[in-house]
Protein backbone atom coordinates (compact mmCIF):
# COMPACT_ATOMS: atom_id res chain seq x y z
CA MET A 1 -19.01 8.10 76.54
CA GLU A 2 -16.62 8.81 73.71
CA SER A 3 -15.85 5.14 73.22
CA ASN A 4 -19.55 4.34 73.05
CA LYS A 5 -20.05 6.96 70.37
CA ASN A 6 -17.12 5.61 68.33
CA SER A 7 -18.43 2.11 68.79
CA SER A 8 -21.85 3.19 67.60
CA ARG A 9 -20.30 5.01 64.64
CA ARG A 10 -18.28 1.99 63.64
CA ARG A 11 -21.36 -0.16 63.72
CA GLN A 12 -23.20 2.31 61.56
CA ASP A 13 -20.28 2.70 59.14
CA GLY A 14 -19.69 -0.99 58.95
CA LYS A 15 -23.28 -1.86 58.31
CA LYS A 16 -23.67 -3.13 54.80
CA SER A 17 -26.58 -1.85 52.85
CA THR A 18 -27.87 -3.07 49.51
CA PRO A 19 -30.44 -1.65 47.15
CA LEU A 20 -32.85 -4.27 48.43
CA SER A 21 -32.44 -3.13 52.02
CA ARG A 22 -33.18 0.50 51.26
CA LYS A 23 -36.68 1.81 51.52
CA PRO A 24 -38.03 3.32 48.33
CA GLN A 25 -38.13 7.09 48.36
CA SER A 26 -41.47 8.80 48.11
CA LYS A 27 -41.26 9.70 44.42
CA LYS A 28 -43.84 9.20 41.78
CA PRO A 29 -43.11 6.11 39.69
CA LEU A 30 -41.92 6.72 36.12
CA SER A 31 -44.50 5.96 33.52
CA ARG A 32 -43.09 4.12 30.48
CA LYS A 33 -44.85 2.70 27.52
CA PRO A 34 -44.04 -0.90 26.67
CA LEU A 35 -41.71 -1.27 23.67
CA ASP A 36 -42.64 -3.57 20.85
CA LYS A 37 -40.06 -5.59 18.90
CA LYS A 38 -39.99 -3.12 16.03
CA THR A 39 -39.16 -0.23 18.32
CA VAL A 40 -36.49 -2.21 20.14
CA LYS A 41 -34.84 -3.13 16.84
CA LYS A 42 -34.92 0.50 15.70
CA GLU A 43 -33.33 1.76 18.92
CA PHE A 44 -30.68 -0.98 18.81
CA LYS A 45 -29.55 0.13 15.36
CA LYS A 46 -28.83 3.60 16.71
CA ILE A 47 -26.11 2.26 18.99
CA THR A 48 -24.85 -0.60 16.78
CA PRO A 49 -24.40 0.66 13.21
CA ASN A 50 -24.58 -1.77 10.34
CA LYS A 51 -21.12 -3.31 9.90
CA THR A 52 -21.56 -3.58 6.16
CA SER A 53 -22.30 0.10 5.61
CA ASP A 54 -19.86 2.24 3.67
CA GLU A 55 -19.04 4.15 6.84
CA THR A 56 -17.64 1.14 8.68
CA SER A 57 -16.37 -1.16 5.90
CA GLY A 58 -13.77 -0.77 3.19
CA ILE A 59 -10.29 0.72 3.41
CA ARG A 60 -9.38 4.37 3.77
CA LEU A 61 -8.39 5.89 0.45
CA ASN A 62 -4.97 7.07 1.61
CA LYS A 63 -4.13 3.59 2.89
CA TYR A 64 -5.36 2.05 -0.37
CA ILE A 65 -2.97 4.30 -2.31
CA ALA A 66 -0.07 3.52 0.05
CA ASN A 67 -0.79 -0.21 -0.25
CA SER A 68 -0.55 0.18 -4.02
CA GLY A 69 3.09 1.21 -3.63
CA ILE A 70 2.59 4.80 -4.84
CA CYS A 71 3.65 6.69 -1.73
CA SER A 72 3.11 6.91 2.03
CA ARG A 73 -0.31 7.57 3.54
CA ARG A 74 0.68 11.10 4.51
CA GLU A 75 1.79 11.87 0.96
CA ALA A 76 -1.41 10.25 -0.35
CA ASP A 77 -3.46 12.79 1.64
CA THR A 78 -1.72 15.58 -0.27
CA TYR A 79 -2.40 13.93 -3.62
CA ILE A 80 -6.06 13.42 -2.68
CA GLU A 81 -6.41 17.04 -1.62
CA HIS A 82 -4.93 18.25 -4.92
CA GLY A 83 -7.29 16.17 -7.05
CA SER A 84 -5.00 13.37 -8.24
CA VAL A 85 -7.40 10.56 -7.30
CA GLN A 86 -10.65 9.33 -8.83
CA VAL A 87 -12.95 6.57 -7.60
CA ASN A 88 -15.35 5.05 -10.11
CA GLY A 89 -14.64 7.93 -12.47
CA LYS A 90 -15.42 10.65 -9.91
CA LEU A 91 -12.92 13.01 -8.33
CA VAL A 92 -12.50 12.37 -4.60
CA THR A 93 -10.91 14.93 -2.27
CA GLU A 94 -12.37 13.62 0.99
CA MET A 95 -9.61 12.40 3.33
CA GLY A 96 -11.68 9.78 5.13
CA TYR A 97 -13.26 8.25 2.03
CA LYS A 98 -13.58 4.45 2.27
CA VAL A 99 -12.83 2.35 -0.81
CA GLN A 100 -15.13 -0.63 -1.28
CA PRO A 101 -14.09 -3.98 -2.84
CA ASP A 102 -15.78 -3.26 -6.19
CA ASP A 103 -14.50 0.32 -6.53
CA ILE A 104 -12.12 1.31 -9.33
CA VAL A 105 -9.43 3.70 -8.08
CA GLN A 106 -7.33 5.78 -10.45
CA PHE A 107 -4.21 7.76 -9.57
CA ASP A 108 -3.31 10.40 -12.16
CA GLY A 109 -5.51 8.57 -14.66
CA THR A 110 -3.99 5.11 -14.09
CA SER A 111 -5.89 2.35 -12.27
CA ILE A 112 -4.19 1.09 -9.12
CA THR A 113 -4.73 -1.89 -6.84
CA PRO A 114 -3.26 -2.84 -3.45
CA GLU A 115 -0.23 -5.07 -3.81
CA GLN A 116 1.30 -7.65 -1.54
CA LYS A 117 4.02 -5.99 0.52
CA LYS A 118 7.52 -6.88 -0.62
CA TYR A 119 10.87 -6.15 1.07
CA VAL A 120 14.13 -6.83 -0.80
CA LEU A 121 17.66 -6.13 0.42
CA LEU A 122 20.44 -5.61 -2.13
CA ASN A 123 24.19 -5.51 -1.62
CA LYS A 124 24.80 -2.84 -4.26
CA PRO A 125 27.98 -3.01 -6.36
CA LYS A 126 29.86 -0.04 -7.77
CA ASN A 127 28.83 1.77 -10.99
CA TYR A 128 25.08 1.40 -10.54
CA ILE A 129 22.91 4.46 -9.96
CA THR A 130 19.97 4.49 -7.57
CA THR A 131 17.11 5.39 -9.87
CA MET A 132 14.23 3.64 -11.59
CA GLU A 133 15.59 4.39 -15.08
CA ASP A 134 18.26 6.52 -16.69
CA ASP A 135 17.92 8.42 -19.99
CA ARG A 136 21.71 8.36 -20.40
CA GLY A 137 21.83 4.59 -20.59
CA ARG A 138 23.74 4.07 -17.34
CA LYS A 139 23.23 0.90 -15.30
CA THR A 140 20.60 1.19 -12.56
CA VAL A 141 19.96 -0.80 -9.40
CA MET A 142 16.62 -1.89 -10.84
CA GLU A 143 18.48 -4.17 -13.25
CA LEU A 144 19.95 -6.04 -10.30
CA ILE A 145 16.59 -6.81 -8.67
CA ALA A 146 14.59 -7.30 -11.89
CA ASN A 147 13.55 -10.83 -10.87
CA ALA A 148 13.12 -10.12 -7.17
CA SER A 149 9.42 -9.28 -7.22
CA LYS A 150 6.48 -9.16 -9.61
CA GLU A 151 5.23 -6.17 -7.61
CA ARG A 152 6.64 -2.73 -8.29
CA ILE A 153 9.26 -2.02 -5.64
CA TYR A 154 11.30 1.13 -5.16
CA PRO A 155 14.64 1.94 -3.50
CA VAL A 156 14.46 3.43 -0.01
CA GLY A 157 16.79 6.41 -0.09
CA ARG A 158 19.84 6.55 -2.33
CA LEU A 159 23.42 5.40 -2.65
CA ASP A 160 25.87 7.23 -4.91
CA ARG A 161 26.96 5.55 -8.10
CA ASN A 162 30.38 4.71 -6.61
CA THR A 163 29.05 3.80 -3.15
CA THR A 164 28.48 0.13 -2.44
CA GLY A 165 26.51 -1.71 0.23
CA LEU A 166 23.03 -2.14 1.59
CA LEU A 167 20.03 -0.77 -0.26
CA LEU A 168 16.45 -1.67 0.63
CA PHE A 169 13.59 -1.91 -1.89
CA THR A 170 9.89 -2.06 -1.03
CA ASN A 171 6.38 -1.11 -2.10
CA ASP A 172 5.47 -0.29 1.51
CA GLY A 173 5.13 3.49 1.29
CA ASP A 174 4.64 4.02 5.02
CA LEU A 175 7.77 2.07 5.94
CA ALA A 176 9.81 3.82 3.26
CA LYS A 177 8.74 7.18 4.66
CA LYS A 178 9.68 6.11 8.18
CA LEU A 179 13.13 4.90 7.15
CA THR A 180 13.98 8.11 5.31
CA HIS A 181 12.50 10.68 7.72
CA PRO A 182 15.19 12.35 9.91
CA LYS A 183 13.11 12.20 13.10
CA HIS A 184 13.37 8.38 13.23
CA ASN A 185 17.19 8.50 13.40
CA VAL A 186 17.65 5.39 11.28
CA ARG A 187 21.10 3.93 11.85
CA LYS A 188 23.56 3.88 8.93
CA LEU A 189 27.08 2.51 9.37
CA TYR A 190 29.68 3.05 6.63
CA HIS A 191 33.19 1.76 5.99
CA ALA A 192 35.19 4.54 4.36
CA SER A 193 38.59 4.08 2.70
CA LEU A 194 40.46 7.40 2.62
CA ASP A 195 43.23 8.67 0.35
CA LYS A 196 45.60 9.02 3.34
CA LYS A 197 45.88 8.14 7.01
CA LEU A 198 43.36 9.96 9.18
CA GLU A 199 45.26 11.89 11.83
CA LEU A 200 44.03 11.47 15.39
CA ARG A 201 43.44 15.22 15.73
CA ASP A 202 41.21 15.14 12.66
CA LEU A 203 39.40 12.06 13.96
CA GLU A 204 38.62 13.99 17.14
CA LYS A 205 37.17 16.85 15.08
CA LEU A 206 34.59 14.44 13.69
CA ARG A 207 33.26 13.32 17.05
CA GLY A 208 29.82 14.75 17.68
CA GLU A 209 28.53 17.65 15.63
CA VAL A 210 30.01 19.22 12.49
CA VAL A 211 28.72 21.91 10.16
CA ILE A 212 28.55 20.92 6.50
CA GLU A 213 27.46 23.52 3.95
CA GLY A 214 25.96 25.66 6.70
CA LYS A 215 23.92 22.83 8.23
CA LYS A 216 24.65 20.78 11.35
CA VAL A 217 25.33 17.08 10.97
CA PHE A 218 25.56 14.83 14.01
CA ILE A 219 28.04 11.96 13.80
CA ASP A 220 26.89 9.16 16.11
CA ALA A 221 30.25 7.36 16.10
CA VAL A 222 33.57 7.39 14.23
CA SER A 223 36.68 5.27 14.70
CA TYR A 224 39.53 3.43 13.04
CA VAL A 225 38.65 -0.05 11.76
CA ASN A 226 40.32 -2.64 14.00
CA GLY A 227 43.22 -4.46 12.38
CA GLU A 228 43.25 -2.17 9.33
CA PRO A 229 45.47 0.77 8.29
CA LYS A 230 44.41 4.17 9.55
CA THR A 231 42.99 4.95 6.14
CA GLU A 232 40.09 2.61 6.98
CA ILE A 233 37.40 4.35 9.03
CA GLY A 234 34.03 3.32 10.39
CA ILE A 235 31.47 6.11 10.65
CA GLU A 236 27.90 5.94 11.89
CA ILE A 237 25.35 8.63 11.07
CA HIS A 238 21.59 8.96 10.69
CA SER A 239 21.56 11.85 8.23
CA GLY A 240 20.28 11.07 4.75
CA ARG A 241 21.71 14.10 2.95
CA ASN A 242 23.22 13.54 -0.48
CA ARG A 243 26.91 12.48 -0.42
CA ILE A 244 27.05 13.43 3.24
CA VAL A 245 29.78 10.94 4.29
CA ARG A 246 32.11 12.09 1.53
CA LYS A 247 31.46 15.72 2.46
CA ILE A 248 32.18 15.02 6.14
CA PHE A 249 35.70 13.76 5.35
CA GLU A 250 36.29 16.50 2.79
CA HIS A 251 35.46 18.92 5.61
CA VAL A 252 38.69 17.89 7.41
CA GLY A 253 40.82 17.53 4.25
CA TYR A 254 40.42 13.90 3.16
CA LYS A 255 39.06 12.23 0.05
CA VAL A 256 36.97 9.06 0.19
CA ASN A 257 38.27 6.50 -2.32
CA LYS A 258 35.77 3.78 -1.40
CA LEU A 259 32.56 3.88 0.58
CA ASP A 260 30.52 0.87 1.66
CA ARG A 261 27.28 0.88 3.70
CA VAL A 262 27.51 -2.13 6.00
CA ILE A 263 24.49 -1.55 8.24
CA PHE A 264 21.14 0.05 7.42
CA ALA A 265 18.36 0.17 10.06
CA GLU A 266 19.98 -2.85 11.82
CA LEU A 267 20.02 -4.84 8.57
CA THR A 268 23.48 -6.26 7.75
CA LYS A 269 25.32 -7.73 4.76
CA LYS A 270 25.77 -11.11 6.44
CA ASN A 271 25.62 -13.91 3.86
CA LEU A 272 24.77 -11.42 1.10
CA PRO A 273 27.49 -11.23 -1.59
CA ARG A 274 28.04 -8.08 -3.62
CA GLY A 275 25.48 -7.73 -6.41
CA ARG A 276 23.04 -10.20 -4.82
CA TRP A 277 19.69 -9.62 -3.16
CA ARG A 278 17.44 -11.42 -0.70
CA GLU A 279 13.97 -10.96 0.78
CA LEU A 280 13.71 -9.80 4.37
CA THR A 281 12.55 -12.31 6.95
CA ASN A 282 9.26 -11.77 8.78
CA LEU A 283 11.23 -10.94 11.92
CA GLU A 284 13.25 -8.27 10.11
CA VAL A 285 10.08 -6.72 8.66
CA ASN A 286 8.41 -6.69 12.08
CA ASN A 287 11.46 -5.06 13.66
CA LEU A 288 11.48 -2.31 11.03
CA GLN A 289 7.76 -1.65 11.45
CA MET A 290 8.18 -1.41 15.24
CA MET A 291 10.78 1.34 14.96
CA LYS A 292 9.66 4.56 16.63
């Protein structure tokens, strides 16, 4: 008897049913009025907004500002909130405002327009300061890349006047912010020439974490340079604090005579002589933008 029941159950469970095979339930049919074309069109617009409306077209104001090379989008939000931006002569403090093609955008009273993104890598020589201009008449890195771009480009981070090596310039505010923010742990590898041989015990002190001026600094790697005297040291960090490499060696009693940045965010000095610049390749730009 049990097998018959299971057999019956399997037949019932296995029986396929479709909406067509079901009997209609005894419910009153719904009464609907026929829709004319005008009504259908009106209802359709509710679920498919006009693509050319201000709400769905244009570019967000903070992105427009970032694309103009002023700052990152996050920083642009702050400027918008504090009343630094006007559109068509009117103050705009709305974060989600969309800029239309014919709009005139002003930042601190100066008209701005989105620029083509430019990325220039310089092998910085000694005795140039990392600033846009200097009121004391000193040589700046901007002189070295004067012909690199018709767009306004800015240095990403800083290198001391006497520090040589890789320095990136761009008008991509979002990328610049990413490369300088500590949370992204951007790789920086330096070749330091010290005033005396670095003792092994002092080298060991620099492995891992050290405290400089009351703040922790993590050293990703440090070692002697192969085939060179023990005054030549390779050190990898991701901190962007001012003069941090020099301060690290001063912390254990050594002076840095020469300092050269040989790697920055996986960019290298290969085929880039001192004092020369080159544009990044599309692959290099894509790799930088994909950094987490």
